Amino acid sequence: MGDDELAAIRAKRMAELQAMGGGGAGGAGGGAEKQRQQMEERKQQMEDMKNGILSQVLDQEARARLNTLMIAKPEKGRQVEAMLCQMAQTGQLGSKLGEQDLKELLERFNAGSGSSTKVKFDRRRAALDSDED
């Protein structure tokens, strides 16, 4: 089920890209506007394709957790989305991932990144010191 749908999405995307490439140039008057519009359309298509893949490989709880991650840490969320899409396209995901599976995947992702978040407190003794009252 998942592999057939992914293959259909890939074939559709390839056909769209070939149609865009063979379209040729239009008039010179709206060239910049046309390019901007095409870029927006491509961006929207990529977003739709990504959302379709993620809805195929994640159940509702896992999708909700990923959305929460996107709100808290957008850059990390985009990286995880890209990793999930790549894993789905290469066939590394056999079935839908649940919330627990996504948690394990996130833990492996965090362990692989190697960078830990550090908080540095800079305590300054200034006019706000309450000990001198």
C-alpha atoms as a PDB file:
ATOM      1  CA  MET A   1       0.000   0.000   0.000  1.00  0.00           C
ATOM      2  CA  GLY A   2       2.598   2.566   1.032  1.00  0.00           C
ATOM      3  CA  ASP A   3       5.134   1.704  -1.667  1.00  0.00           C
ATOM      4  CA  ASP A   4       2.544   1.907  -4.442  1.00  0.00           C
ATOM      5  CA  GLU A   5       1.309   5.289  -3.245  1.00  0.00           C
ATOM      6  CA  LEU A   6       4.861   6.626  -2.917  1.00  0.00           C
ATOM      7  CA  ALA A   7       5.671   5.411  -6.434  1.00  0.00           C
ATOM      8  CA  ALA A   8       2.557   7.169  -7.743  1.00  0.00           C
ATOM      9  CA  ILE A   9       3.561  10.399  -5.999  1.00  0.00           C
ATOM     10  CA  ARG A  10       7.083  10.163  -7.433  1.00  0.00           C
ATOM     11  CA  ALA A  11       5.757   9.518 -10.958  1.00  0.00           C
ATOM     12  CA  LYS A  12       3.345  12.448 -10.700  1.00  0.00           C
ATOM     13  CA  ARG A  13       6.116  14.756  -9.484  1.00  0.00           C
ATOM     14  CA  MET A  14       8.463  13.684 -12.284  1.00  0.00           C
ATOM     15  CA  ALA A  15       5.736  14.356 -14.861  1.00  0.00           C
ATOM     16  CA  GLU A  16       5.134  17.809 -13.370  1.00  0.00           C
ATOM     17  CA  LEU A  17       8.841  18.631 -13.434  1.00  0.00           C
ATOM     18  CA  GLN A  18       9.167  17.493 -17.051  1.00  0.00           C
ATOM     19  CA  ALA A  19       6.108  19.553 -18.023  1.00  0.00           C
ATOM     20  CA  MET A  20       7.568  22.636 -16.332  1.00  0.00           C
ATOM     21  CA  GLY A  21      10.955  22.166 -17.989  1.00  0.00           C
ATOM     22  CA  GLY A  22       9.521  21.782 -21.478  1.00  0.00           C
ATOM     23  CA  GLY A  23       7.158  24.764 -21.258  1.00  0.00           C
ATOM     24  CA  GLY A  24       9.548  27.329 -22.747  1.00  0.00           C
ATOM     25  CA  ALA A  25       9.724  31.063 -22.023  1.00  0.00           C
ATOM     26  CA  GLY A  26       6.708  33.375 -22.162  1.00  0.00           C
ATOM     27  CA  GLY A  27       6.511  37.085 -22.865  1.00  0.00           C
ATOM     28  CA  ALA A  28       9.165  39.473 -21.550  1.00  0.00           C
ATOM     29  CA  GLY A  29       6.648  41.721 -19.723  1.00  0.00           C
ATOM     30  CA  GLY A  30       5.804  39.439 -16.773  1.00  0.00           C
ATOM     31  CA  GLY A  31       8.960  37.338 -16.616  1.00  0.00           C
ATOM     32  CA  ALA A  32       9.888  38.094 -13.003  1.00  0.00           C
ATOM     33  CA  GLU A  33       6.298  37.777 -11.812  1.00  0.00           C
ATOM     34  CA  LYS A  34       5.903  34.504 -13.686  1.00  0.00           C
ATOM     35  CA  GLN A  35       9.091  33.104 -12.166  1.00  0.00           C
ATOM     36  CA  ARG A  36       7.993  34.134  -8.685  1.00  0.00           C
ATOM     37  CA  GLN A  37       4.619  32.504  -9.220  1.00  0.00           C
ATOM     38  CA  GLN A  38       6.250  29.304 -10.490  1.00  0.00           C
ATOM     39  CA  MET A  39       8.525  29.224  -7.452  1.00  0.00           C
ATOM     40  CA  GLU A  40       5.512  29.602  -5.148  1.00  0.00           C
ATOM     41  CA  GLU A  41       3.694  26.824  -6.997  1.00  0.00           C
ATOM     42  CA  ARG A  42       6.718  24.535  -6.703  1.00  0.00           C
ATOM     43  CA  LYS A  43       7.033  25.352  -3.020  1.00  0.00           C
ATOM     44  CA  GLN A  44       3.348  24.555  -2.477  1.00  0.00           C
ATOM     45  CA  GLN A  45       3.650  21.292  -4.422  1.00  0.00           C
ATOM     46  CA  MET A  46       6.668  20.240  -2.379  1.00  0.00           C
ATOM     47  CA  GLU A  47       4.810  21.072   0.839  1.00  0.00           C
ATOM     48  CA  ASP A  48       1.772  19.058  -0.301  1.00  0.00           C
ATOM     49  CA  MET A  49       3.990  16.129  -1.278  1.00  0.00           C
ATOM     50  CA  LYS A  50       5.789  16.235   2.087  1.00  0.00           C
ATOM     51  CA  ASN A  51       2.480  16.358   3.976  1.00  0.00           C
ATOM     52  CA  GLY A  52       1.169  13.431   1.939  1.00  0.00           C
ATOM     53  CA  ILE A  53       4.214  11.329   2.719  1.00  0.00           C
ATOM     54  CA  LEU A  54       4.105  12.212   6.412  1.00  0.00           C
ATOM     55  CA  SER A  55       0.409  11.368   6.650  1.00  0.00           C
ATOM     56  CA  GLN A  56       1.189   7.963   5.128  1.00  0.00           C
ATOM     57  CA  VAL A  57       4.038   7.106   7.490  1.00  0.00           C
ATOM     58  CA  LEU A  58       2.818   8.649  10.792  1.00  0.00           C
ATOM     59  CA  ASP A  59      -0.300   7.942  12.799  1.00  0.00           C
ATOM     60  CA  GLN A  60      -2.250  10.781  14.436  1.00  0.00           C
ATOM     61  CA  GLU A  61      -0.406  10.771  17.767  1.00  0.00           C
ATOM     62  CA  ALA A  62       2.999  10.774  16.082  1.00  0.00           C
ATOM     63  CA  ARG A  63       1.880  13.534  13.732  1.00  0.00           C
ATOM     64  CA  ALA A  64       0.716  15.596  16.723  1.00  0.00           C
ATOM     65  CA  ARG A  65       4.094  15.089  18.424  1.00  0.00           C
ATOM     66  CA  LEU A  66       5.912  16.183  15.268  1.00  0.00           C
ATOM     67  CA  ASN A  67       3.722  19.294  15.039  1.00  0.00           C
ATOM     68  CA  THR A  68       4.541  20.103  18.671  1.00  0.00           C
ATOM     69  CA  LEU A  69       8.235  19.739  17.858  1.00  0.00           C
ATOM     70  CA  MET A  70       7.795  22.064  14.878  1.00  0.00           C
ATOM     71  CA  ILE A  71       6.311  24.728  17.151  1.00  0.00           C
ATOM     72  CA  ALA A  72       8.991  24.387  19.828  1.00  0.00           C
ATOM     73  CA  LYS A  73      12.038  23.895  17.582  1.00  0.00           C
ATOM     74  CA  PRO A  74      11.242  24.627  13.920  1.00  0.00           C
ATOM     75  CA  GLU A  75      14.720  23.824  12.583  1.00  0.00           C
ATOM     76  CA  LYS A  76      14.870  20.443  14.301  1.00  0.00           C
ATOM     77  CA  GLY A  77      11.308  19.721  13.178  1.00  0.00           C
ATOM     78  CA  ARG A  78      12.223  20.399   9.543  1.00  0.00           C
ATOM     79  CA  GLN A  79      15.237  18.108   9.860  1.00  0.00           C
ATOM     80  CA  VAL A  80      13.105  15.312  11.310  1.00  0.00           C
ATOM     81  CA  GLU A  81      10.481  15.782   8.579  1.00  0.00           C
ATOM     82  CA  ALA A  82      13.164  15.591   5.907  1.00  0.00           C
ATOM     83  CA  MET A  83      14.636  12.473   7.521  1.00  0.00           C
ATOM     84  CA  LEU A  84      11.196  10.802   7.683  1.00  0.00           C
ATOM     85  CA  CYS A  85      10.468  11.639   4.034  1.00  0.00           C
ATOM     86  CA  GLN A  86      13.831  10.267   2.978  1.00  0.00           C
ATOM     87  CA  MET A  87      13.306   7.080   4.990  1.00  0.00           C
ATOM     88  CA  ALA A  88       9.847   6.641   3.454  1.00  0.00           C
ATOM     89  CA  GLN A  89      11.146   7.170  -0.088  1.00  0.00           C
ATOM     90  CA  THR A  90      13.987   4.692   0.361  1.00  0.00           C
ATOM     91  CA  GLY A  91      11.666   2.069   1.860  1.00  0.00           C
ATOM     92  CA  GLN A  92      13.186   2.022   5.343  1.00  0.00           C
ATOM     93  CA  LEU A  93       9.780   2.425   6.990  1.00  0.00           C
ATOM     94  CA  GLY A  94       7.685  -0.722   6.823  1.00  0.00           C
ATOM     95  CA  SER A  95       4.456   0.534   8.347  1.00  0.00           C
ATOM     96  CA  LYS A  96       3.009   3.599  10.032  1.00  0.00           C
ATOM     97  CA  LEU A  97       5.044   4.910  12.921  1.00  0.00           C
ATOM     98  CA  GLY A  98       3.315   5.358  16.241  1.00  0.00           C
ATOM     99  CA  GLU A  99       4.124   7.926  18.879  1.00  0.00           C
ATOM    100  CA  GLN A 100       6.506   5.561  20.686  1.00  0.00           C
ATOM    101  CA  ASP A 101       8.324   4.776  17.437  1.00  0.00           C
ATOM    102  CA  LEU A 102       8.696   8.484  16.726  1.00  0.00           C
ATOM    103  CA  LYS A 103      10.048   9.043  20.243  1.00  0.00           C
ATOM    104  CA  GLU A 104      12.707   6.383  19.677  1.00  0.00           C
ATOM    105  CA  LEU A 105      13.569   7.913  16.317  1.00  0.00           C
ATOM    106  CA  LEU A 106      13.893  11.355  17.916  1.00  0.00           C
ATOM    107  CA  GLU A 107      16.139   9.953  20.643  1.00  0.00           C
ATOM    108  CA  ARG A 108      18.413   8.408  18.017  1.00  0.00           C
ATOM    109  CA  PHE A 109      18.368  11.684  16.091  1.00  0.00           C
ATOM    110  CA  ASN A 110      19.330  13.650  19.209  1.00  0.00           C
ATOM    111  CA  ALA A 111      22.080  11.182  20.111  1.00  0.00           C
ATOM    112  CA  GLY A 112      23.471  11.424  16.592  1.00  0.00           C
ATOM    113  CA  SER A 113      23.531  15.202  16.537  1.00  0.00           C
ATOM    114  CA  GLY A 114      25.920  15.290  19.501  1.00  0.00           C
ATOM    115  CA  SER A 115      25.159  18.870  20.463  1.00  0.00           C
ATOM    116  CA  SER A 116      23.543  19.371  23.809  1.00  0.00           C
ATOM    117  CA  THR A 117      21.726  22.445  24.925  1.00  0.00           C
ATOM    118  CA  LYS A 118      23.570  24.373  27.595  1.00  0.00           C
ATOM    119  CA  VAL A 119      22.275  27.170  29.734  1.00  0.00           C
ATOM    120  CA  LYS A 120      24.744  29.661  31.099  1.00  0.00           C
ATOM    121  CA  PHE A 121      23.754  31.812  34.033  1.00  0.00           C
ATOM    122  CA  ASP A 122      25.508  35.131  34.221  1.00  0.00           C
ATOM    123  CA  ARG A 123      25.028  36.349  37.762  1.00  0.00           C
ATOM    124  CA  ARG A 124      26.035  39.907  38.181  1.00  0.00           C
ATOM    125  CA  ARG A 125      26.280  41.763  41.438  1.00  0.00           C
ATOM    126  CA  ALA A 126      24.725  45.103  40.696  1.00  0.00           C
ATOM    127  CA  ALA A 127      22.183  47.490  42.116  1.00  0.00           C
ATOM    128  CA  LEU A 128      19.597  44.699  42.145  1.00  0.00           C
ATOM    129  CA  ASP A 129      21.374  42.826  44.940  1.00  0.00           C
ATOM    130  CA  SER A 130      18.889  42.362  47.772  1.00  0.00           C
ATOM    131  CA  ASP A 131      21.474  41.244  50.345  1.00  0.00           C
ATOM    132  CA  GLU A 132      22.480  44.781  51.225  1.00  0.00           C
ATOM    133  CA  ASP A 133      19.046  45.854  52.521  1.00  0.00           C
END
